[in-house]
Amino acid sequence: MTAQPATEIMQDPFRPFDTTFDRETALALLRETLAGGEDGELFVERRRSESLVLDDGRIRSAGYDSAEGFGLRAVHGAVTGYAHSTHMTEAALRRAARTARLAIGAGGGVLADPPAATNRRLYTDADPIASAGFAAKLELLRAIDDYLRGLDRRVVQVTASLAASCQEVTILRPEGTLLTDTRPMVRLNISVIVEQDGRRESGSAGGGGRVGLDGLMETANWQAMAREALRIAGVNLRAEPAPAGVMDVVLGPGWPGILLHEAVGHGLEGDFNRKGSSAFAGLMGSRIAAPGVTVLDDGTIPDRRGSISIDDEGTPSGRNVLIEDGVLTGFMQDRQNARLMGVAPTGNGRRESYAHAPMPRMTNTMMLGGEAEPEALLAETRDGIHAVGFGGGQVDITNGKFVFSCTEAYRVKDGKRGAPVKGATLIGDGPTALLNIRGIGNDMALDPGMGTCGKAGQWVPVGVGQPSLLIGGLTVGGVA
């Protein structure tokens, strides 16, 4: 494989209504499609992505992908007509218009007001793929492998991956507004396996965001990630079988917010509540969490993985309070669900790509910090575990029941943290867990930038965050 200078993959700015579609023709077709409807747009996208994976000193995979296409949406009431194509031609656009139009029929609706305008930019519009050449990226991954093997002779396998992408979107709305957003994304992942006395364990670390590759590739940054992955692997080598039973759990700050995201966040998305399928449906204004619990979804944090300057309908992202001091105060909304529920859209209309219609989705979902020292939360725990890292999890939206596996956890007895434990799972339900929060730490932190959320077959990047939390009465599944 021949390395290429970064400048060779630079592309001209994405201006589909200057180079591909005639803007006036496209606007006329959009208006014809939406006649009698209530909302809709023409969403045009170009996306490029690159990934490299080094496994045991060898390139396991290297890929570069580029795609573009458009999606045309027509909305009337709860009905959505959607058609998309990779063929960027007027003929394809006309076919899509006829298809989307079928769903709303004669209509009879009135177009909703357009989204508010914004010139805010939350991240760079530079293409991160072009910020470093292939040779430099490969050299980085090899340096990670060498560094970890040099740190600890117990290392038997290193896997390092580097990914970068650039998504450019242009949204044409029926009032004639043209909205654009260029969304960079980078991520570095490091996994290591260590062996001692015939026992093998793994650890991983990573991070990224809507930034260039420069900071991610800095020596101090990747070495810190590598040491963290090695530290976790070493902890797991010493881990004892996890206990089982109902006990108190102290969650660490940052990435453990993924439990909040799954167990609570999805249940606060507007569509689930409009349809009555969420465990929180009908509870607006009611206490659903312990006093002091305030949960936000904030898509406005600069450079964060889940942030968006505008959502995929053109609405500016927002800092939306979902739970305030334990009381349910809001849901995350796209334009369609907001209109049907009689509230304002919140900038949470997101889609995976031009091939998907938008729906209410999280951005950066977090719980604000409290006043307790993290050590005090551990001191209050008579019998439980301290869960610092999480892997995969599942949740049932209708009742909030969740199951999460811990990647790093410790036994806590009589207020003191003891030996690490392996094989721990946390089992409970979101509404009960929120009410059973007994302590909120003052160490609120965001995750390092590695979350991806799935819903209805669509995947979008997200962020999570929380302080240390003491939750009573969770079921811990173990092997002891």
Protein backbone atom coordinates (compact mmCIF):
# COMPACT_ATOMS: atom_id res chain seq x y z
CA MET A 1 0.00 0.00 0.00
CA THR A 2 1.44 3.34 -1.05
CA ALA A 3 1.21 6.26 1.33
CA GLN A 4 -0.28 9.42 -0.15
CA PRO A 5 0.14 13.01 0.95
CA ALA A 6 -2.84 14.36 2.85
CA THR A 7 -3.45 17.00 0.20
CA GLU A 8 -4.33 14.36 -2.39
CA ILE A 9 -7.69 13.61 -0.72
CA MET A 10 -8.79 17.22 -0.34
CA GLN A 11 -12.09 17.97 -2.07
CA ASP A 12 -13.89 21.11 -3.08
CA PRO A 13 -16.52 22.43 -0.65
CA PHE A 14 -19.88 20.71 -0.96
CA ARG A 15 -22.26 23.04 -2.81
CA PRO A 16 -24.85 20.75 -4.44
CA PHE A 17 -27.13 23.61 -5.48
CA ASP A 18 -24.30 25.27 -7.36
CA THR A 19 -22.87 22.18 -9.05
CA THR A 20 -25.50 19.40 -9.10
CA PHE A 21 -29.06 20.64 -8.71
CA ASP A 22 -30.62 23.84 -9.99
CA ARG A 23 -31.78 25.51 -6.81
CA GLU A 24 -34.95 27.03 -8.23
CA THR A 25 -36.00 23.76 -9.85
CA ALA A 26 -35.33 21.84 -6.66
CA LEU A 27 -37.26 24.38 -4.61
CA ALA A 28 -40.23 24.23 -6.96
CA LEU A 29 -40.28 20.41 -6.73
CA LEU A 30 -40.03 20.55 -2.95
CA ARG A 31 -42.95 22.97 -2.71
CA GLU A 32 -45.07 20.84 -5.03
CA THR A 33 -44.29 17.78 -2.91
CA LEU A 34 -45.25 19.53 0.32
CA ALA A 35 -48.45 21.18 -0.96
CA GLY A 36 -51.06 20.43 1.69
CA GLY A 37 -48.40 19.04 4.01
CA GLU A 38 -47.08 20.49 7.25
CA ASP A 39 -43.32 20.06 7.00
CA GLY A 40 -40.49 18.57 5.02
CA GLU A 41 -37.14 19.29 3.45
CA LEU A 42 -34.59 18.22 0.89
CA PHE A 43 -31.55 16.85 2.72
CA VAL A 44 -28.37 16.47 0.65
CA GLU A 45 -25.24 14.84 2.05
CA ARG A 46 -21.66 14.02 1.15
CA ARG A 47 -19.68 11.85 3.53
CA ARG A 48 -16.09 10.62 3.51
CA SER A 49 -14.53 8.26 6.01
CA GLU A 50 -11.20 6.57 6.56
CA SER A 51 -10.17 3.89 9.05
CA LEU A 52 -6.97 2.02 9.89
CA VAL A 53 -6.64 -0.96 12.22
CA LEU A 54 -3.29 -2.35 13.36
CA ASP A 55 -3.37 -5.73 15.10
CA ASP A 56 -0.21 -7.28 16.51
CA GLY A 57 2.02 -5.05 14.44
CA ARG A 58 0.27 -5.76 11.15
CA ILE A 59 -2.39 -3.85 9.24
CA ARG A 60 -5.60 -5.78 9.70
CA SER A 61 -7.72 -3.40 7.65
CA ALA A 62 -7.48 -0.06 5.91
CA GLY A 63 -10.44 1.59 4.25
CA TYR A 64 -11.57 4.77 2.61
CA ASP A 65 -15.18 5.38 1.67
CA SER A 66 -17.04 8.22 -0.01
CA ALA A 67 -20.78 8.50 -0.57
CA GLU A 68 -23.34 11.13 -1.41
CA GLY A 69 -27.07 11.26 -1.90
CA PHE A 70 -30.28 13.06 -1.03
CA GLY A 71 -33.43 12.40 0.95
CA LEU A 72 -36.76 14.14 0.33
CA ARG A 73 -39.32 14.18 3.13
CA ALA A 74 -42.99 15.18 3.24
CA VAL A 75 -44.87 15.28 6.56
CA HIS A 76 -48.58 15.53 7.32
CA GLY A 77 -49.73 14.86 10.87
CA ALA A 78 -48.09 11.64 12.04
CA VAL A 79 -47.52 10.44 8.47
CA THR A 80 -44.13 10.74 6.78
CA GLY A 81 -43.33 10.17 3.13
CA TYR A 82 -39.63 9.68 2.47
CA ALA A 83 -37.64 8.90 -0.65
CA HIS A 84 -33.87 8.90 -1.13
CA SER A 85 -31.33 8.23 -3.83
CA THR A 86 -27.62 8.09 -4.52
CA HIS A 87 -28.27 9.43 -8.02
CA MET A 88 -27.74 13.17 -7.78
CA THR A 89 -29.81 14.08 -10.82
CA GLU A 90 -32.94 16.09 -11.51
CA ALA A 91 -34.66 12.95 -12.83
CA ALA A 92 -33.99 11.11 -9.57
CA LEU A 93 -35.22 14.13 -7.61
CA ARG A 94 -38.47 14.18 -9.59
CA ARG A 95 -39.05 10.48 -8.93
CA ALA A 96 -38.39 11.02 -5.21
CA ALA A 97 -40.84 13.93 -5.16
CA ARG A 98 -43.61 11.79 -6.65
CA THR A 99 -42.92 8.99 -4.16
CA ALA A 100 -42.81 11.19 -1.04
CA ARG A 101 -45.96 12.98 -2.18
CA LEU A 102 -47.97 9.75 -2.14
CA ALA A 103 -47.85 9.54 1.65
CA ILE A 104 -49.59 12.86 2.34
CA GLY A 105 -52.24 12.61 -0.37
CA ALA A 106 -54.52 15.63 -0.61
CA GLY A 107 -53.04 16.99 2.60
CA GLY A 108 -55.04 19.89 3.93
CA GLY A 109 -52.33 21.04 6.30
CA VAL A 110 -50.45 24.31 6.66
CA LEU A 111 -46.67 24.47 6.57
CA ALA A 112 -45.09 24.87 9.99
CA ASP A 113 -42.90 27.87 10.73
CA PRO A 114 -39.29 27.41 9.63
CA PRO A 115 -36.54 26.76 12.19
CA ALA A 116 -34.78 29.72 13.75
CA ALA A 117 -31.67 30.90 11.94
CA THR A 118 -28.22 30.60 13.48
CA ASN A 119 -24.66 31.37 12.44
CA ARG A 120 -23.22 29.47 15.40
CA ARG A 121 -20.47 26.97 14.64
CA LEU A 122 -19.48 24.49 17.33
CA TYR A 123 -16.55 22.81 15.56
CA THR A 124 -14.09 23.23 12.76
CA ASP A 125 -15.12 22.68 9.14
CA ALA A 126 -11.67 21.32 8.20
CA ASP A 127 -11.58 17.78 6.86
CA PRO A 128 -9.81 15.64 9.51
CA ILE A 129 -8.92 12.95 6.98
CA ALA A 130 -6.72 15.45 5.18
CA SER A 131 -4.99 16.68 8.32
CA ALA A 132 -2.41 13.86 8.25
CA GLY A 133 -1.06 11.55 5.57
CA PHE A 134 -1.46 7.78 5.50
CA ALA A 135 2.17 7.19 6.47
CA ALA A 136 1.87 9.34 9.59
CA LYS A 137 -1.30 7.54 10.67
CA LEU A 138 0.28 4.14 10.22
CA GLU A 139 3.40 5.28 12.08
CA LEU A 140 1.18 6.34 15.00
CA LEU A 141 -0.47 2.93 15.28
CA ARG A 142 2.90 1.16 15.17
CA ALA A 143 4.26 3.52 17.81
CA ILE A 144 1.32 2.58 20.08
CA ASP A 145 2.09 -1.12 19.63
CA ASP A 146 5.80 -0.60 20.40
CA TYR A 147 5.07 1.64 23.38
CA LEU A 148 2.73 -0.82 25.10
CA ARG A 149 5.04 -3.79 24.59
CA GLY A 150 7.88 -1.76 26.01
CA LEU A 151 5.86 -0.80 29.08
CA ASP A 152 4.95 -4.30 30.24
CA ARG A 153 6.37 -7.69 29.27
CA ARG A 154 2.97 -9.25 30.02
CA VAL A 155 1.49 -7.65 26.90
CA VAL A 156 0.68 -10.34 24.32
CA GLN A 157 -1.57 -8.46 21.92
CA VAL A 158 -2.19 -4.84 20.94
CA THR A 159 -4.94 -3.57 18.68
CA ALA A 160 -5.04 0.10 17.73
CA SER A 161 -7.44 1.82 15.37
CA LEU A 162 -7.72 5.33 14.00
CA ALA A 163 -10.83 6.64 12.26
CA ALA A 164 -11.73 9.99 10.73
CA SER A 165 -14.75 11.18 8.81
CA CYS A 166 -16.26 14.33 7.37
CA GLN A 167 -20.00 14.72 6.83
CA GLU A 168 -21.22 17.70 4.82
CA VAL A 169 -24.95 18.40 4.76
CA THR A 170 -27.09 20.93 2.95
CA ILE A 171 -30.78 21.32 3.79
CA LEU A 172 -33.20 23.10 1.45
CA ARG A 173 -36.45 24.05 3.16
CA PRO A 174 -39.74 24.98 1.45
CA GLU A 175 -39.54 28.65 2.48
CA GLY A 176 -36.34 28.83 0.41
CA THR A 177 -33.83 28.72 3.26
CA LEU A 178 -30.58 26.87 2.55
CA LEU A 179 -28.79 25.52 5.63
CA THR A 180 -25.34 23.92 5.69
CA ASP A 181 -23.18 22.13 8.23
CA THR A 182 -19.78 20.44 7.96
CA ARG A 183 -19.26 17.85 10.68
CA PRO A 184 -15.80 16.38 11.32
CA MET A 185 -15.23 13.35 13.54
CA VAL A 186 -12.12 11.52 14.76
CA ARG A 187 -11.58 8.62 17.11
CA LEU A 188 -8.61 6.61 18.43
CA ASN A 189 -9.15 3.23 20.12
CA ILE A 190 -6.53 1.13 21.90
CA SER A 191 -7.03 -2.41 23.21
CA VAL A 192 -4.44 -4.56 24.94
CA ILE A 193 -4.35 -8.16 26.18
CA VAL A 194 -2.01 -9.16 28.97
CA GLU A 195 -1.09 -12.63 30.23
CA GLN A 196 0.22 -13.72 33.60
CA ASP A 197 0.44 -17.25 35.00
CA GLY A 198 -1.71 -18.57 32.16
CA ARG A 199 -4.50 -16.03 32.70
CA ARG A 200 -5.33 -13.49 30.00
CA GLU A 201 -7.31 -10.27 30.46
CA SER A 202 -7.96 -7.21 28.34
CA GLY A 203 -8.30 -3.47 28.72
CA SER A 204 -9.24 -0.70 26.33
CA ALA A 205 -9.33 3.07 26.13
CA GLY A 206 -10.04 5.65 23.49
CA GLY A 207 -11.54 8.98 22.64
CA GLY A 208 -12.12 11.65 20.05
CA GLY A 209 -14.63 14.24 18.97
CA ARG A 210 -15.45 16.81 16.32
CA VAL A 211 -11.86 17.96 15.99
CA GLY A 212 -8.87 17.43 13.74
CA LEU A 213 -6.38 14.60 14.11
CA ASP A 214 -3.58 16.85 15.38
CA GLY A 215 -4.47 16.70 19.08
CA LEU A 216 -5.40 13.03 18.94
CA MET A 217 -2.03 12.14 17.41
CA GLU A 218 0.02 14.10 19.96
CA THR A 219 2.40 11.81 21.84
CA ALA A 220 1.18 12.79 25.30
CA ASN A 221 -2.44 12.10 24.30
CA TRP A 222 -2.06 8.63 22.82
CA GLN A 223 0.44 7.52 25.45
CA ALA A 224 -2.08 8.42 28.17
CA MET A 225 -4.73 6.33 26.38
CA ALA A 226 -2.30 3.43 26.02
CA ARG A 227 -1.40 3.51 29.72
CA GLU A 228 -5.09 3.60 30.65
CA ALA A 229 -5.83 0.53 28.52
CA LEU A 230 -2.88 -1.26 30.13
CA ARG A 231 -3.99 -0.20 33.61
CA ILE A 232 -7.47 -1.67 33.09
CA ALA A 233 -6.02 -4.92 31.78
CA GLY A 234 -3.80 -5.13 34.84
CA VAL A 235 -6.77 -4.50 37.14
CA ASN A 236 -8.69 -7.32 35.47
CA LEU A 237 -5.75 -9.69 35.98
CA ARG A 238 -6.21 -9.23 39.74
CA ALA A 239 -10.01 -9.35 39.62
CA GLU A 240 -11.99 -11.80 41.73
CA PRO A 241 -15.38 -13.26 40.76
CA ALA A 242 -18.10 -10.65 41.22
CA PRO A 243 -20.70 -11.17 43.94
CA ALA A 244 -24.41 -11.44 43.18
CA GLY A 245 -27.38 -9.93 44.95
CA VAL A 246 -29.18 -6.67 45.66
CA MET A 247 -26.73 -4.07 46.88
CA ASP A 248 -25.67 -0.45 46.72
CA VAL A 249 -23.66 0.66 43.70
CA VAL A 250 -21.35 3.64 43.35
CA LEU A 251 -20.99 4.68 39.72
CA GLY A 252 -17.87 6.51 38.59
CA PRO A 253 -17.96 9.81 36.68
CA GLY A 254 -17.89 10.25 32.91
CA TRP A 255 -18.42 7.17 30.75
CA PRO A 256 -20.71 5.38 33.27
CA GLY A 257 -23.24 7.99 32.12
CA ILE A 258 -23.95 5.46 29.37
CA LEU A 259 -26.26 3.80 31.91
CA LEU A 260 -28.15 7.11 32.23
CA HIS A 261 -28.26 7.42 28.43
CA GLU A 262 -29.79 3.99 27.92
CA ALA A 263 -31.95 3.54 31.01
CA VAL A 264 -33.35 7.07 31.10
CA GLY A 265 -32.41 9.02 27.96
CA HIS A 266 -34.29 6.97 25.37
CA GLY A 267 -37.39 7.12 27.53
CA LEU A 268 -37.27 10.94 27.36
CA GLU A 269 -37.32 11.11 23.55
CA GLY A 270 -40.49 12.72 22.24
CA ASP A 271 -41.77 10.01 19.92
CA PHE A 272 -41.87 7.33 22.64
CA ASN A 273 -43.84 9.67 24.89
CA ARG A 274 -46.26 10.85 22.21
CA LYS A 275 -47.08 7.22 21.47
CA GLY A 276 -47.33 6.35 25.16
CA SER A 277 -44.69 3.62 24.96
CA SER A 278 -42.16 5.23 27.31
CA ALA A 279 -42.02 4.45 31.01
CA PHE A 280 -42.18 8.24 31.53
CA ALA A 281 -45.26 8.91 29.35
CA GLY A 282 -47.83 11.11 31.08
CA LEU A 283 -45.48 12.11 33.90
CA MET A 284 -44.58 15.66 32.80
CA GLY A 285 -44.28 17.84 35.91
CA SER A 286 -44.08 14.82 38.22
CA ARG A 287 -41.20 13.76 40.42
CA ILE A 288 -39.40 10.93 38.65
CA ALA A 289 -35.98 11.16 40.34
CA ALA A 290 -34.45 11.90 43.70
CA PRO A 291 -34.07 15.55 44.76
CA GLY A 292 -30.93 17.10 43.32
CA VAL A 293 -31.03 15.07 40.11
CA THR A 294 -30.84 17.35 37.06
CA VAL A 295 -30.46 15.78 33.63
CA LEU A 296 -29.70 17.67 30.43
CA ASP A 297 -29.32 16.91 26.77
CA ASP A 298 -26.89 19.49 25.40
CA GLY A 299 -25.90 19.53 21.74
CA THR A 300 -24.16 22.90 22.04
CA ILE A 301 -20.87 21.89 23.72
CA PRO A 302 -18.00 22.80 21.34
CA ASP A 303 -16.07 19.94 19.71
CA ARG A 304 -17.96 17.16 21.51
CA ARG A 305 -18.80 13.92 19.74
CA GLY A 306 -22.56 14.34 20.19
CA SER A 307 -22.72 18.06 19.38
CA ILE A 308 -24.38 19.47 16.27
CA SER A 309 -24.54 23.10 15.18
CA ILE A 310 -27.93 22.36 13.61
CA ASP A 311 -29.90 19.14 13.65
CA ASP A 312 -30.83 17.27 10.50
CA GLU A 313 -33.99 19.33 10.03
CA GLY A 314 -32.15 22.64 10.32
CA THR A 315 -33.10 23.46 13.92
CA PRO A 316 -30.21 24.84 16.02
CA SER A 317 -29.14 22.40 18.72
CA GLY A 318 -30.05 23.30 22.28
CA ARG A 319 -29.25 22.89 25.94
CA ASN A 320 -32.42 21.14 27.01
CA VAL A 321 -33.30 20.45 30.64
CA LEU A 322 -35.09 17.11 30.87
CA ILE A 323 -35.20 16.57 34.62
CA GLU A 324 -34.74 19.45 37.07
CA ASP A 325 -34.23 18.72 40.76
CA GLY A 326 -35.91 15.37 40.25
CA VAL A 327 -38.95 16.68 38.34
CA LEU A 328 -39.64 15.82 34.69
CA THR A 329 -39.57 19.09 32.76
CA GLY A 330 -39.00 18.25 29.10
CA PHE A 331 -38.54 15.77 26.28
CA MET A 332 -36.18 15.74 23.33
CA GLN A 333 -38.10 16.70 20.19
CA ASP A 334 -37.81 16.79 16.46
CA ARG A 335 -40.15 19.07 14.49
CA GLN A 336 -42.85 16.49 13.77
CA ASN A 337 -43.25 15.20 17.33
CA ALA A 338 -43.01 18.70 18.78
CA ARG A 339 -45.85 19.90 16.56
CA LEU A 340 -48.01 16.89 17.41
CA MET A 341 -47.38 17.40 21.13
CA GLY A 342 -47.89 21.16 21.01
CA VAL A 343 -44.37 22.12 22.11
CA ALA A 344 -41.30 23.67 20.51
CA PRO A 345 -38.67 21.54 18.71
CA THR A 346 -35.47 21.17 20.74
CA GLY A 347 -32.88 20.56 18.01
CA ASN A 348 -32.88 16.77 18.44
CA GLY A 349 -34.09 15.74 14.98
CA ARG A 350 -31.26 13.49 13.84
CA ARG A 351 -30.69 10.91 11.11
CA GLU A 352 -27.89 8.51 10.30
CA SER A 353 -27.62 9.63 6.68
CA TYR A 354 -29.54 10.88 3.65
CA ALA A 355 -31.10 7.40 3.44
CA HIS A 356 -32.95 7.87 6.74
CA ALA A 357 -35.76 10.12 7.96
CA PRO A 358 -35.02 12.13 11.11
CA MET A 359 -36.39 11.20 14.53
CA PRO A 360 -35.86 12.46 18.10
CA ARG A 361 -32.37 11.44 19.23
CA MET A 362 -30.00 12.33 22.04
CA THR A 363 -26.87 14.46 21.57
CA ASN A 364 -24.77 14.82 24.75
CA THR A 365 -26.87 13.53 27.65
CA MET A 366 -25.63 14.16 31.17
CA MET A 367 -26.47 14.56 34.82
CA LEU A 368 -25.17 17.67 36.57
CA GLY A 369 -22.91 17.37 39.59
CA GLY A 370 -23.88 17.68 43.24
CA GLU A 371 -21.97 18.55 46.39
CA ALA A 372 -20.73 15.21 47.72
CA GLU A 373 -17.10 14.20 47.67
CA PRO A 374 -16.68 10.93 45.75
CA GLU A 375 -14.87 9.40 48.72
CA ALA A 376 -17.88 10.19 50.91
CA LEU A 377 -20.15 8.18 48.61
CA LEU A 378 -17.87 5.17 48.99
CA ALA A 379 -17.74 5.70 52.76
CA GLU A 380 -21.56 5.47 52.88
CA THR A 381 -21.58 2.10 51.12
CA ARG A 382 -21.72 -0.78 53.53
CA ASP A 383 -21.96 -3.61 51.01
CA GLY A 384 -21.78 -3.06 47.27
CA ILE A 385 -19.57 -2.40 44.27
CA HIS A 386 -17.87 0.59 42.69
CA ALA A 387 -18.54 0.47 38.94
CA VAL A 388 -16.01 2.58 37.04
CA GLY A 389 -16.25 1.29 33.47
CA PHE A 390 -19.04 -0.17 31.34
CA GLY A 391 -19.29 -2.25 28.22
CA GLY A 392 -22.44 -3.27 26.41
CA GLY A 393 -25.96 -2.89 27.73
CA GLN A 394 -29.62 -3.37 26.86
CA VAL A 395 -32.77 -1.51 27.84
CA ASP A 396 -36.51 -1.98 27.36
CA ILE A 397 -37.96 1.47 26.60
CA THR A 398 -41.45 0.54 27.76
CA ASN A 399 -40.44 -0.12 31.36
CA GLY A 400 -36.86 1.17 31.55
CA LYS A 401 -35.43 -2.21 32.57
CA PHE A 402 -31.69 -2.43 31.84
CA VAL A 403 -28.77 -4.83 31.99
CA PHE A 404 -25.20 -3.49 31.79
CA SER A 405 -21.86 -5.29 31.98
CA CYS A 406 -19.00 -3.72 33.92
CA THR A 407 -15.52 -3.58 32.41
CA GLU A 408 -13.95 -2.26 35.61
CA ALA A 409 -15.50 -2.65 39.05
CA TYR A 410 -14.42 -3.08 42.69
CA ARG A 411 -15.92 -4.63 45.81
CA VAL A 412 -16.93 -2.16 48.53
CA LYS A 413 -17.31 -3.32 52.14
CA ASP A 414 -17.88 -1.11 55.17
CA GLY A 415 -17.11 2.07 53.24
CA LYS A 416 -13.80 0.88 51.82
CA ARG A 417 -13.00 -0.09 48.26
CA GLY A 418 -11.44 -3.51 48.03
CA ALA A 419 -10.37 -5.93 45.33
CA PRO A 420 -11.43 -5.58 41.69
CA VAL A 421 -14.22 -7.90 40.56
CA LYS A 422 -14.85 -9.52 37.20
CA GLY A 423 -18.11 -10.52 35.52
CA ALA A 424 -20.34 -7.96 37.25
CA THR A 425 -23.59 -6.88 35.60
CA LEU A 426 -26.00 -4.21 36.81
CA ILE A 427 -29.71 -5.02 36.55
CA GLY A 428 -32.54 -2.63 37.30
CA ASP A 429 -34.94 -0.16 35.77
CA GLY A 430 -34.42 3.50 35.00
CA PRO A 431 -37.39 5.01 36.89
CA THR A 432 -36.55 3.12 40.09
CA ALA A 433 -32.82 3.80 39.79
CA LEU A 434 -33.47 7.55 39.45
CA LEU A 435 -35.55 7.59 42.62
CA ASN A 436 -32.97 5.50 44.51
CA ILE A 437 -30.07 7.92 43.94
CA ARG A 438 -28.78 8.65 47.46
CA GLY A 439 -25.71 10.72 46.67
CA ILE A 440 -24.45 12.93 43.84
CA GLY A 441 -20.73 13.66 43.54
CA ASN A 442 -19.09 16.99 42.77
CA ASP A 443 -16.90 15.42 40.07
CA MET A 444 -19.14 15.63 37.00
CA ALA A 445 -17.22 14.64 33.86
CA LEU A 446 -17.96 13.96 30.21
CA ASP A 447 -16.92 10.78 28.46
CA PRO A 448 -13.74 10.83 26.32
CA GLY A 449 -15.72 10.83 23.06
CA MET A 450 -16.55 7.29 22.02
CA GLY A 451 -20.34 6.85 22.18
CA THR A 452 -22.57 5.66 19.34
CA CYS A 453 -26.30 5.24 19.83
CA GLY A 454 -28.66 2.95 17.95
CA LYS A 455 -32.40 3.45 17.50
CA ALA A 456 -34.75 1.94 14.92
CA GLY A 457 -31.77 0.74 12.89
CA GLN A 458 -30.09 4.16 12.77
CA TRP A 459 -26.74 4.96 14.41
CA VAL A 460 -25.54 8.42 15.41
CA PRO A 461 -22.59 9.68 17.50
CA VAL A 462 -23.47 10.76 21.04
CA GLY A 463 -21.86 11.89 24.26
CA VAL A 464 -22.63 11.08 27.90
CA GLY A 465 -21.58 12.41 31.27
CA GLN A 466 -22.31 12.31 34.96
CA PRO A 467 -20.72 12.71 38.39
CA SER A 468 -20.10 9.85 40.79
CA LEU A 469 -23.45 8.50 42.00
CA LEU A 470 -24.56 6.34 44.91
CA ILE A 471 -27.59 4.28 43.92
CA GLY A 472 -29.31 1.98 46.37
CA GLY A 473 -30.91 -1.36 45.69
CA LEU A 474 -29.55 -2.37 42.29
CA THR A 475 -29.34 -6.03 41.42
CA VAL A 476 -25.77 -7.10 40.75
CA GLY A 477 -25.35 -10.20 38.65
CA GLY A 478 -22.08 -11.99 39.29
CA VAL A 479 -20.36 -15.32 39.27
CA ALA A 480 -19.50 -15.71 42.95
